Protein backbone atom coordinates (compact mmCIF):
# COMPACT_ATOMS: atom_id res chain seq x y z
CA MET A 1 16.67 -13.02 -14.37
CA GLN A 2 13.62 -12.39 -12.19
CA ILE A 3 10.98 -9.69 -12.50
CA GLU A 4 11.83 -8.43 -9.00
CA ARG A 5 15.09 -7.01 -10.39
CA ARG A 6 13.40 -3.95 -11.93
CA ALA A 7 11.30 -3.48 -8.79
CA LEU A 8 14.42 -3.25 -6.63
CA TYR A 9 15.65 -0.26 -8.58
CA ASN A 10 12.20 1.33 -8.58
CA LEU A 11 12.19 0.99 -4.81
CA LEU A 12 15.67 2.48 -4.49
CA ARG A 13 14.68 5.43 -6.66
CA MET A 14 11.44 5.96 -4.70
CA ASN A 15 13.37 5.99 -1.43
CA TRP A 16 15.99 8.34 -2.88
CA LEU A 17 13.31 10.78 -4.05
CA GLN A 18 12.05 10.91 -0.46
CA ASP A 19 15.55 11.15 0.98
CA PRO A 20 18.24 12.39 -1.48
CA PHE A 21 20.94 11.66 1.10
CA ILE A 22 20.50 7.91 0.63
CA GLU A 23 23.73 6.44 -0.70
CA ALA A 24 23.28 5.35 -4.31
CA GLU A 25 25.11 5.40 -7.62
CA PRO A 26 23.67 7.79 -10.24
CA TRP A 27 22.75 4.95 -12.61
CA GLN A 28 20.78 3.22 -9.84
CA ILE A 29 18.38 6.13 -9.34
CA GLU A 30 18.27 7.57 -12.85
CA ASP A 31 14.92 8.16 -14.55
CA TYR A 32 15.39 5.97 -17.61
CA ARG A 33 12.05 7.11 -19.02
CA GLU A 34 13.61 10.53 -19.60
CA MET A 35 16.62 9.22 -21.55
CA SER A 36 16.78 9.65 -25.31
CA TYR A 37 17.22 6.64 -27.57
CA LYS A 38 20.67 7.91 -28.51
CA ALA A 39 21.72 8.10 -24.87
CA ILE A 40 20.53 4.56 -24.25
CA PHE A 41 22.29 3.05 -27.27
CA ASP A 42 25.46 5.05 -26.56
CA ARG A 43 25.56 3.83 -23.00
CA LEU A 44 25.07 0.22 -24.11
CA LYS A 45 27.94 0.65 -26.58
CA GLU A 46 30.16 1.84 -23.74
CA LYS A 47 29.50 -1.53 -22.14
CA ASN A 48 30.35 -3.46 -25.33
CA VAL A 49 26.72 -4.10 -26.28
CA ASN A 50 26.48 -2.82 -29.84
CA LEU A 51 22.83 -2.33 -30.71
CA ASP A 52 20.66 0.06 -32.65
CA ARG A 53 16.89 0.10 -33.07
CA PRO A 54 16.72 -2.42 -35.98
CA SER A 55 19.08 -4.90 -34.34
CA PHE A 56 17.27 -4.60 -31.00
CA LEU A 57 13.90 -5.24 -32.65
CA ALA A 58 15.33 -8.25 -34.47
CA LEU A 59 16.72 -9.74 -31.26
CA ALA A 60 13.51 -9.08 -29.36
CA GLU A 61 11.52 -11.16 -31.84
CA ASN A 62 13.11 -14.28 -30.36
CA HIS A 63 12.37 -13.43 -26.73
CA ASP A 64 9.31 -12.96 -24.57
CA THR A 65 10.68 -10.63 -21.89
CA PRO A 66 13.44 -8.05 -21.45
CA GLU A 67 14.92 -10.37 -18.82
CA ASP A 68 15.32 -13.17 -21.37
CA LEU A 69 16.85 -10.83 -23.90
CA THR A 70 19.30 -9.44 -21.35
CA ASP A 71 20.35 -12.95 -20.35
CA GLU A 72 21.24 -13.71 -23.97
CA LEU A 73 23.19 -10.46 -24.36
CA LEU A 74 25.14 -11.16 -21.18
CA ASP A 75 25.87 -14.78 -22.02
CA ASN A 76 29.61 -15.44 -21.94
CA MET A 77 30.44 -11.78 -21.27
CA TYR A 78 31.61 -12.43 -17.68
CA LEU A 79 30.82 -8.93 -16.45
CA ASP A 80 30.56 -7.63 -12.92
CA ILE A 81 27.05 -7.74 -11.49
CA GLU A 82 26.95 -3.94 -11.41
CA ILE A 83 27.63 -3.72 -15.16
CA GLN A 84 25.07 -6.47 -15.84
CA ASP A 85 22.45 -4.51 -13.94
CA GLN A 86 23.21 -1.32 -15.88
CA ILE A 87 22.77 -3.20 -19.14
CA TYR A 88 19.54 -4.74 -17.89
CA LEU A 89 18.02 -1.38 -16.98
CA LEU A 90 18.85 0.01 -20.43
CA VAL A 91 17.47 -3.04 -22.24
CA PHE A 92 14.37 -2.94 -20.07
CA GLU A 93 13.68 0.66 -21.08
CA LEU A 94 14.12 -0.13 -24.76
CA TRP A 95 11.72 -3.05 -24.44
CA ARG A 96 9.16 -0.91 -22.59
CA ARG A 97 9.14 1.63 -25.44
CA LEU A 98 9.58 -0.55 -28.51
CA ILE A 99 8.08 -3.98 -27.82
CA THR A 100 4.53 -2.96 -26.96
CA GLU A 101 3.06 -5.96 -28.77
CA LYS A 102 4.60 -8.34 -26.22
CA PRO A 103 3.20 -7.39 -22.81
CA CYS A 104 5.04 -9.12 -20.01
CA LEU A 105 4.74 -9.14 -16.24
CA SER A 106 7.83 -7.09 -15.39
CA ILE A 107 6.79 -4.34 -17.80
CA PHE A 108 3.28 -4.31 -16.35
CA CYS A 109 4.58 -4.14 -12.77
CA ASP A 110 6.90 -1.29 -13.72
CA GLU A 111 3.97 0.64 -15.20
CA LEU A 112 1.88 -0.02 -12.09
CA ASP A 113 4.71 1.36 -9.92
CA HIS A 114 5.08 4.35 -12.24
CA GLN A 115 1.39 5.24 -12.14
CA ILE A 116 1.24 4.84 -8.37
CA HIS A 117 4.22 7.18 -8.05
CA LEU A 118 2.58 9.76 -10.32
CA TYR A 119 -0.67 9.50 -8.38
CA ASP A 120 1.03 9.81 -5.00
CA THR A 121 3.11 12.82 -6.03
CA SER A 122 0.52 14.68 -8.10
CA THR A 123 -1.53 17.58 -6.82
CA SER A 124 -4.12 16.92 -9.53
CA GLN A 125 -7.31 15.01 -8.75
CA ASN A 126 -7.30 13.40 -12.21
CA THR A 127 -7.33 9.65 -11.57
CA GLU A 128 -7.87 8.41 -15.12
CA ALA A 129 -4.37 6.96 -15.56
CA ILE A 130 -4.34 5.09 -12.25
CA GLN A 131 -7.87 3.85 -12.88
CA ASP A 132 -6.76 2.43 -16.22
CA VAL A 133 -3.76 0.61 -14.79
CA LEU A 134 -5.85 -0.81 -11.91
CA ALA A 135 -8.43 -2.05 -14.41
CA ASN A 136 -5.63 -3.77 -16.34
CA PHE A 137 -4.30 -5.19 -13.09
CA GLN A 138 -7.66 -6.77 -12.32
CA VAL A 139 -7.73 -8.31 -15.80
CA VAL A 140 -4.26 -9.81 -15.26
CA LEU A 141 -5.32 -11.22 -11.87
CA ASP A 142 -8.56 -12.64 -13.24
CA GLU A 143 -6.85 -14.26 -16.22
CA ASN A 144 -4.40 -16.05 -13.95
CA ALA A 145 -7.07 -17.05 -11.44
CA ASP A 146 -9.25 -18.41 -14.25
CA GLN A 147 -6.44 -20.84 -15.02
CA GLY A 148 -6.91 -22.43 -11.62
CA VAL A 149 -4.23 -20.63 -9.63
CA ASN A 150 -5.15 -19.64 -6.05
CA PRO A 151 -6.31 -15.99 -6.23
CA ARG A 152 -4.23 -14.82 -3.28
CA GLN A 153 -1.15 -16.58 -4.59
CA VAL A 154 -1.68 -14.86 -7.94
CA PHE A 155 -1.75 -11.50 -6.20
CA ILE A 156 1.34 -12.26 -4.12
CA SER A 157 3.31 -13.41 -7.17
CA ILE A 158 2.45 -10.36 -9.25
CA SER A 159 2.95 -7.94 -6.36
CA ALA A 160 6.46 -9.33 -5.90
CA GLY A 161 7.39 -7.59 -9.14
CA CYS A 162 6.36 -4.19 -7.78
CA ALA A 163 8.28 -1.75 -5.60
CA ASN A 164 5.09 -0.53 -3.93
CA ASP A 165 3.06 -2.40 -1.34
CA ILE A 166 0.14 -2.93 -3.70
CA GLU A 167 -2.32 -4.18 -1.09
CA SER A 168 -1.70 -1.12 1.09
CA PHE A 169 -2.06 1.16 -1.91
CA LEU A 170 -5.37 -0.44 -2.87
CA TYR A 171 -6.67 0.05 0.67
CA ASP A 172 -5.63 3.71 0.74
CA PHE A 173 -6.93 4.35 -2.78
CA ILE A 174 -10.34 2.80 -2.11
CA ALA A 175 -10.56 4.63 1.21
CA GLN A 176 -9.91 7.88 -0.64
CA GLN A 177 -12.71 7.10 -3.09
CA ILE A 178 -15.07 6.63 -0.13
CA ASP A 179 -13.88 9.90 1.40
CA ASN A 180 -14.54 11.64 -1.93
CA ARG A 181 -18.00 10.05 -2.14
CA ASN A 182 -17.10 8.06 -5.24
CA ASP A 183 -19.14 5.21 -3.80
CA SER A 184 -19.91 3.32 -7.00
CA TYR A 185 -16.24 3.21 -8.02
CA ALA A 186 -15.17 2.22 -4.50
CA ALA A 187 -17.71 -0.63 -4.57
CA GLU A 188 -16.44 -1.71 -7.99
CA LEU A 189 -12.85 -1.86 -6.73
CA LEU A 190 -13.85 -3.77 -3.61
CA ASP A 191 -15.79 -6.33 -5.62
CA GLY A 192 -12.96 -6.70 -8.13
CA PHE A 193 -10.02 -7.06 -5.76
CA TYR A 194 -11.47 -8.47 -2.55
CA ASN A 195 -10.81 -12.16 -3.29
CA TYR A 196 -7.14 -11.41 -3.97
CA MET A 197 -6.37 -9.62 -0.72
CA THR A 198 -4.21 -11.40 1.85
CA ASP A 199 -5.45 -9.38 4.86
CA GLU A 200 -9.16 -9.20 4.14
CA LYS A 201 -10.21 -7.57 7.43
CA TRP A 202 -9.08 -4.18 6.16
CA PHE A 203 -11.29 -4.54 3.10
CA ASP A 204 -14.20 -5.76 5.21
CA PHE A 205 -13.74 -2.51 7.11
CA LEU A 206 -13.89 -0.57 3.84
CA ARG A 207 -17.20 -2.30 3.06
CA ALA A 208 -18.51 -1.11 6.42
CA ARG A 209 -17.34 2.43 5.71
CA LEU A 210 -18.98 2.34 2.30
CA GLN A 211 -22.25 1.03 3.73
CA ALA A 212 -22.34 3.76 6.38
CA SER A 213 -23.32 6.41 3.82
CA THR A 214 -26.68 4.72 3.20
CA ASP A 215 -27.23 2.31 6.08
CA ILE A 216 -25.53 3.22 9.36
CA ALA A 217 -27.26 0.41 11.25
CA GLY A 218 -26.07 -2.15 8.72
CA SER A 219 -22.58 -0.65 8.86
CA ASN A 220 -22.49 -0.98 12.64
CA GLN A 221 -23.63 -4.59 12.37
CA LEU A 222 -20.83 -5.31 9.92
CA ILE A 223 -18.32 -3.62 12.26
CA ARG A 224 -19.60 -5.79 15.10
CA GLN A 225 -18.99 -8.89 12.98
CA ILE A 226 -15.51 -7.71 11.95
CA VAL A 227 -14.51 -7.11 15.57
CA GLN A 228 -15.73 -10.57 16.50
CA ASN A 229 -13.92 -12.23 13.58
CA THR A 230 -10.61 -10.56 14.41
CA SER A 231 -10.70 -11.02 18.17
CA LYS A 232 -8.35 -14.02 18.07
CA GLU A 233 -5.67 -12.05 16.19
CA PRO A 234 -5.74 -8.56 17.73
CA ASP A 235 -4.18 -5.76 15.70
CA LEU A 236 -3.60 -2.40 17.37
CA GLU A 237 -3.45 -0.36 14.15
CA PHE A 238 -6.63 -1.97 12.89
CA ASN A 239 -8.46 -1.38 16.16
CA LEU A 240 -7.50 2.28 16.15
CA GLU A 241 -8.77 2.65 12.59
CA ILE A 242 -12.13 1.15 13.52
CA LEU A 243 -12.39 3.25 16.66
CA SER A 244 -11.67 6.42 14.65
CA PHE A 245 -14.46 5.48 12.26
CA LEU A 246 -16.88 4.81 15.14
CA VAL A 247 -16.38 8.29 16.59
CA GLN A 248 -19.23 9.61 14.47
CA GLY A 249 -22.28 7.38 14.26
CA GLY A 250 -20.80 4.26 15.82
CA GLU A 251 -22.70 2.27 18.43
CA LYS A 252 -21.50 3.04 21.94
CA GLU A 253 -21.45 -0.62 23.00
CA ILE A 254 -19.19 -1.60 20.09
CA PHE A 255 -16.87 1.35 20.76
CA VAL A 256 -16.54 0.73 24.50
CA ASN A 257 -15.91 -2.99 24.11
CA LEU A 258 -13.27 -2.41 21.44
CA VAL A 259 -11.53 0.22 23.56
CA LYS A 260 -11.28 -2.30 26.41
CA LYS A 261 -9.69 -4.82 24.04
CA THR A 262 -7.36 -2.21 22.58
CA ILE A 263 -6.01 -1.06 25.94
CA ALA A 264 -4.34 -4.45 26.35
CA LEU A 265 -2.40 -3.89 23.10
CA ILE A 266 -0.90 -0.53 24.04
CA ILE A 267 2.88 -0.58 24.49
CA VAL A 268 4.20 2.91 23.75
CA GLU A 269 3.11 6.40 24.71
CA GLU A 270 2.14 7.52 21.21
CA ASP A 271 -0.40 4.73 20.86
CA LEU A 272 -1.95 5.44 24.24
CA GLN A 273 -2.34 9.12 23.44
CA ASP A 274 -3.87 8.25 20.06
CA LEU A 275 -6.41 6.04 21.81
CA LEU A 276 -7.18 8.74 24.38
CA LEU A 277 -7.74 11.34 21.67
CA ILE A 278 -10.15 9.03 19.86
CA CYS A 279 -12.05 8.38 23.08
CA ALA A 280 -12.24 12.10 23.86
CA ASP A 281 -13.62 12.78 20.37
CA PHE A 282 -16.17 9.99 20.76
CA TYR A 283 -17.57 11.33 24.00
CA HIS A 284 -17.46 14.88 22.64
CA CYS A 285 -19.71 13.82 19.74
CA LEU A 286 -22.10 12.24 22.26
CA ASP A 287 -22.07 15.39 24.43
CA TYR A 288 -20.84 13.28 27.37
CA ASP A 289 -18.96 16.10 29.05
CA HIS A 290 -18.00 14.19 32.21
CA GLU A 291 -16.30 11.37 30.31
CA GLU A 292 -14.65 13.70 27.83
CA LEU A 293 -13.19 15.86 30.59
CA ALA A 294 -11.88 12.81 32.45
CA ILE A 295 -10.01 11.67 29.35
CA GLN A 296 -8.76 15.18 28.56
CA LYS A 297 -7.34 15.29 32.08
CA ILE A 298 -5.35 12.11 31.43
CA LEU A 299 -4.07 13.53 28.16
CA LYS A 300 -2.92 16.72 29.82
CA GLU A 301 -1.04 14.79 32.49
CA ARG A 302 0.75 12.77 29.80
CA SER A 303 1.46 15.66 27.43
CA ASN A 304 5.19 15.84 28.28
CA ASN A 305 5.86 12.12 27.79
CA LYS A 306 8.00 11.06 24.83
CA PRO A 307 5.99 9.37 22.03
CA GLU A 308 8.35 6.38 21.81
CA GLU A 309 8.46 5.78 25.55
CA THR A 310 7.39 2.31 26.69
CA ILE A 311 4.50 2.34 29.15
CA ASP A 312 4.45 0.39 32.37
CA ARG A 313 1.41 -1.91 32.41
CA LYS A 314 0.80 -0.75 35.99
CA ASP A 315 0.48 2.87 34.88
CA PRO A 316 -2.54 4.24 36.79
CA HIS A 317 -3.92 5.94 33.70
CA PHE A 318 -4.82 2.54 32.27
CA ALA A 319 -7.06 1.97 35.27
CA GLU A 320 -8.56 5.46 34.95
CA LEU A 321 -9.42 4.92 31.30
CA LEU A 322 -10.88 1.49 32.06
CA LYS A 323 -13.01 3.07 34.77
CA VAL A 324 -14.49 5.48 32.23
CA MET A 325 -15.17 2.54 29.95
CA ARG A 326 -16.75 0.46 32.74
CA ASP A 327 -18.99 3.34 33.69
CA GLU A 328 -20.16 3.37 30.07
CA GLY A 329 -19.95 -0.35 29.23
């Protein structure tokens, strides 16, 4: 029984919380952390698994994970997969509460998902709990990497047990620390997790953002290097993120050259209008009224277009935007 099994139900519950009309059975989206011990043991009994706390603790002594214990309980029971999964979720919750002296990967991943959910849905700025679980995560990664396993493979393997996209969460979380001027903590996270990331350009970009608060020239130089390093594998979303950052304090040459490269990646209306808005903001910050007005004119002419509409590569507004860029580049 693989660790991804718990993550699948975490993901289903997360999706259901966002959209309660998703089709799901009550047991699939239940918050097992809120169940009483009596409710858990009663439900197991309904499924012909007769356990109480002492007998569960005794069985757990001979196993290293809730998955192993569930496999033994299900052995020779010949139950439907749905019933097996219900038993697994109940056993998993008992293990999470009672077998704290045997930390295992699936339990850790479940806690990481739980803390991310609490962080994402909380209006409080208290980050102590998520900071603790991220510190533990780094320890787990480092321990595995110290045994000679490829760092990125370690991260991929552990992340597979989580419902969340952990790399995306780390990027967003570190970016938020930079926004909140928690520079020392952001730098600590970058140093601790960088070698494990599978798409390092995003975290190079975070380094540039972090450096901008104390050394804008050095930040621009790092951005220049990032753009050069990623030129062979263009990424529209990434380019737009960099361009948005360059609006205030970015070098004009870097901005103009990246806009020219980004134009070639535009496919749908929404992306073109996003690019135009960024360009208008850039020239507004430079007090380049002529260029800003030219771009605002294009935006106004496109204002009634549908966001998802595919753009013809021969659309004259591409040429108009390129002309503004050529005049500046």
